[in-house]
Amino acid sequence: MAMTDFYNDLHDLNQIDWHIMRSMYWHDTEDDPDRKRRRQAEFLVYGFVPIHLLVAVAVKSSEWESKVKQIVLPYGYEGSVVIRPDWYF
C-alpha cells in the first residue's frame, strides 16, 4: 500500500489502469507483479451519492434484482438493475 496514491478529483480518472479494469483475469504475472493491487483500486464515495447519478446497479441473481428494484422504487430510480452472475462480487 505504500505505492498506492489517493485521488479526490474526477480529473484524475486517467490514473486508473482501465485496461486491467476491463480484464476478466487480473492476477499478478511475472511480467507485471502489481496487477492485483491496481485492479483492486476502489472508487469510494463519502456520505452520499444522489441516486439519479447511478446509470446501473449490477447484481448477482434475480433474487437480488428483485430486492434492489424494491429498494430503489420509492426514489424514482430510472437506471437499470442488471443481473451479472459472472462478475466478481
C-alpha atoms as a PDB file:
ATOM      1  CA  MET A   1       0.000   0.000   0.000  1.00  0.00           C
ATOM      2  CA  ALA A   2       2.985   2.292   0.265  1.00  0.00           C
ATOM      3  CA  MET A   3       2.848   2.521  -3.528  1.00  0.00           C
ATOM      4  CA  THR A   4      -0.828   3.471  -3.592  1.00  0.00           C
ATOM      5  CA  ASP A   5      -1.860   7.019  -4.445  1.00  0.00           C
ATOM      6  CA  PHE A   6      -5.194   8.511  -3.476  1.00  0.00           C
ATOM      7  CA  TYR A   7      -7.186  10.982  -5.549  1.00  0.00           C
ATOM      8  CA  ASN A   8     -10.309  13.032  -4.905  1.00  0.00           C
ATOM      9  CA  ASP A   9     -10.784  14.837  -8.200  1.00  0.00           C
ATOM     10  CA  LEU A  10     -12.633  13.484 -11.244  1.00  0.00           C
ATOM     11  CA  HIS A  11      -9.867  14.918 -13.404  1.00  0.00           C
ATOM     12  CA  ASP A  12      -7.662  12.136 -12.034  1.00  0.00           C
ATOM     13  CA  LEU A  13      -9.721   9.296 -13.531  1.00  0.00           C
ATOM     14  CA  ASN A  14      -6.930   8.900 -16.073  1.00  0.00           C
ATOM     15  CA  GLN A  15      -4.819   7.491 -13.222  1.00  0.00           C
ATOM     16  CA  ILE A  16      -6.912   4.303 -13.266  1.00  0.00           C
ATOM     17  CA  ASP A  17      -5.478   1.375 -15.211  1.00  0.00           C
ATOM     18  CA  TRP A  18      -8.537   0.960 -17.444  1.00  0.00           C
ATOM     19  CA  HIS A  19      -7.026  -1.987 -19.315  1.00  0.00           C
ATOM     20  CA  ILE A  20      -6.855  -4.016 -16.111  1.00  0.00           C
ATOM     21  CA  MET A  21     -10.314  -2.823 -15.041  1.00  0.00           C
ATOM     22  CA  ARG A  22     -11.758  -4.269 -18.256  1.00  0.00           C
ATOM     23  CA  SER A  23      -9.808  -7.525 -17.961  1.00  0.00           C
ATOM     24  CA  MET A  24     -11.585 -10.699 -16.969  1.00  0.00           C
ATOM     25  CA  TYR A  25      -8.408 -12.050 -15.356  1.00  0.00           C
ATOM     26  CA  TRP A  26      -6.262  -9.644 -13.427  1.00  0.00           C
ATOM     27  CA  HIS A  27      -3.963 -11.754 -11.290  1.00  0.00           C
ATOM     28  CA  ASP A  28      -0.332 -10.760 -10.909  1.00  0.00           C
ATOM     29  CA  THR A  29       2.013 -12.108 -13.564  1.00  0.00           C
ATOM     30  CA  GLU A  30       5.744 -12.491 -13.783  1.00  0.00           C
ATOM     31  CA  ASP A  31       5.831  -9.613 -16.280  1.00  0.00           C
ATOM     32  CA  ASP A  32       3.519  -7.431 -14.175  1.00  0.00           C
ATOM     33  CA  PRO A  33       3.562  -8.351 -10.454  1.00  0.00           C
ATOM     34  CA  ASP A  34       1.393  -5.355  -9.470  1.00  0.00           C
ATOM     35  CA  ARG A  35      -1.804  -6.102 -11.423  1.00  0.00           C
ATOM     36  CA  LYS A  36      -3.908  -7.221  -8.460  1.00  0.00           C
ATOM     37  CA  ARG A  37      -3.193  -4.105  -6.408  1.00  0.00           C
ATOM     38  CA  ARG A  38      -4.056  -1.827  -9.325  1.00  0.00           C
ATOM     39  CA  ARG A  39      -7.237  -3.753 -10.130  1.00  0.00           C
ATOM     40  CA  GLN A  40      -8.481  -3.709  -6.560  1.00  0.00           C
ATOM     41  CA  ALA A  41      -8.490   0.052  -6.520  1.00  0.00           C
ATOM     42  CA  GLU A  42     -11.817   1.339  -5.322  1.00  0.00           C
ATOM     43  CA  PHE A  43     -13.914   4.314  -6.155  1.00  0.00           C
ATOM     44  CA  LEU A  44     -15.183   5.326  -2.738  1.00  0.00           C
ATOM     45  CA  VAL A  45     -17.801   7.938  -2.058  1.00  0.00           C
ATOM     46  CA  TYR A  46     -18.105   9.522   1.338  1.00  0.00           C
ATOM     47  CA  GLY A  47     -21.531  10.178   2.759  1.00  0.00           C
ATOM     48  CA  PHE A  48     -23.977  10.418  -0.123  1.00  0.00           C
ATOM     49  CA  VAL A  49     -24.494   9.814  -3.837  1.00  0.00           C
ATOM     50  CA  PRO A  50     -27.680  11.081  -5.498  1.00  0.00           C
ATOM     51  CA  ILE A  51     -29.436   8.014  -6.902  1.00  0.00           C
ATOM     52  CA  HIS A  52     -30.115   9.734 -10.226  1.00  0.00           C
ATOM     53  CA  LEU A  53     -26.351   9.703 -10.885  1.00  0.00           C
ATOM     54  CA  LEU A  54     -26.283   5.892 -10.998  1.00  0.00           C
ATOM     55  CA  VAL A  55     -26.634   4.597 -14.542  1.00  0.00           C
ATOM     56  CA  ALA A  56     -26.987   0.964 -13.461  1.00  0.00           C
ATOM     57  CA  VAL A  57     -26.777  -1.340 -10.481  1.00  0.00           C
ATOM     58  CA  ALA A  58     -25.317  -4.800 -11.097  1.00  0.00           C
ATOM     59  CA  VAL A  59     -26.478  -7.749  -9.006  1.00  0.00           C
ATOM     60  CA  LYS A  60     -25.568 -11.419  -8.906  1.00  0.00           C
ATOM     61  CA  SER A  61     -29.010 -13.044  -9.176  1.00  0.00           C
ATOM     62  CA  SER A  62     -32.677 -12.493  -9.950  1.00  0.00           C
ATOM     63  CA  GLU A  63     -33.351 -12.654  -6.210  1.00  0.00           C
ATOM     64  CA  TRP A  64     -31.112  -9.620  -5.676  1.00  0.00           C
ATOM     65  CA  GLU A  65     -32.534  -7.914  -8.750  1.00  0.00           C
ATOM     66  CA  SER A  66     -35.984  -8.011  -7.131  1.00  0.00           C
ATOM     67  CA  LYS A  67     -34.652  -6.784  -3.788  1.00  0.00           C
ATOM     68  CA  VAL A  68     -32.747  -3.873  -5.329  1.00  0.00           C
ATOM     69  CA  LYS A  69     -35.703  -2.851  -7.502  1.00  0.00           C
ATOM     70  CA  GLN A  70     -37.871  -2.659  -4.377  1.00  0.00           C
ATOM     71  CA  ILE A  71     -35.245  -0.595  -2.575  1.00  0.00           C
ATOM     72  CA  VAL A  72     -34.893   1.993  -5.362  1.00  0.00           C
ATOM     73  CA  LEU A  73     -38.581   2.161  -6.304  1.00  0.00           C
ATOM     74  CA  PRO A  74     -39.555   4.869  -3.784  1.00  0.00           C
ATOM     75  CA  TYR A  75     -36.727   7.081  -5.041  1.00  0.00           C
ATOM     76  CA  GLY A  76     -37.801   7.224  -8.679  1.00  0.00           C
ATOM     77  CA  TYR A  77     -34.646   5.484  -9.898  1.00  0.00           C
ATOM     78  CA  GLU A  78     -34.634   5.465 -13.703  1.00  0.00           C
ATOM     79  CA  GLY A  79     -31.441   3.469 -14.241  1.00  0.00           C
ATOM     80  CA  SER A  80     -31.139  -0.237 -14.849  1.00  0.00           C
ATOM     81  CA  VAL A  81     -30.813  -3.125 -12.447  1.00  0.00           C
ATOM     82  CA  VAL A  82     -28.918  -5.810 -14.341  1.00  0.00           C
ATOM     83  CA  ILE A  83     -28.028  -9.385 -13.443  1.00  0.00           C
ATOM     84  CA  ARG A  84     -24.348 -10.176 -13.914  1.00  0.00           C
ATOM     85  CA  PRO A  85     -23.639 -13.559 -12.258  1.00  0.00           C
ATOM     86  CA  ASP A  86     -20.218 -13.783 -13.886  1.00  0.00           C
ATOM     87  CA  TRP A  87     -18.986 -10.518 -12.376  1.00  0.00           C
ATOM     88  CA  TYR A  88     -16.851 -10.546  -9.270  1.00  0.00           C
ATOM     89  CA  PHE A  89     -18.938  -9.640  -6.193  1.00  0.00           C
END
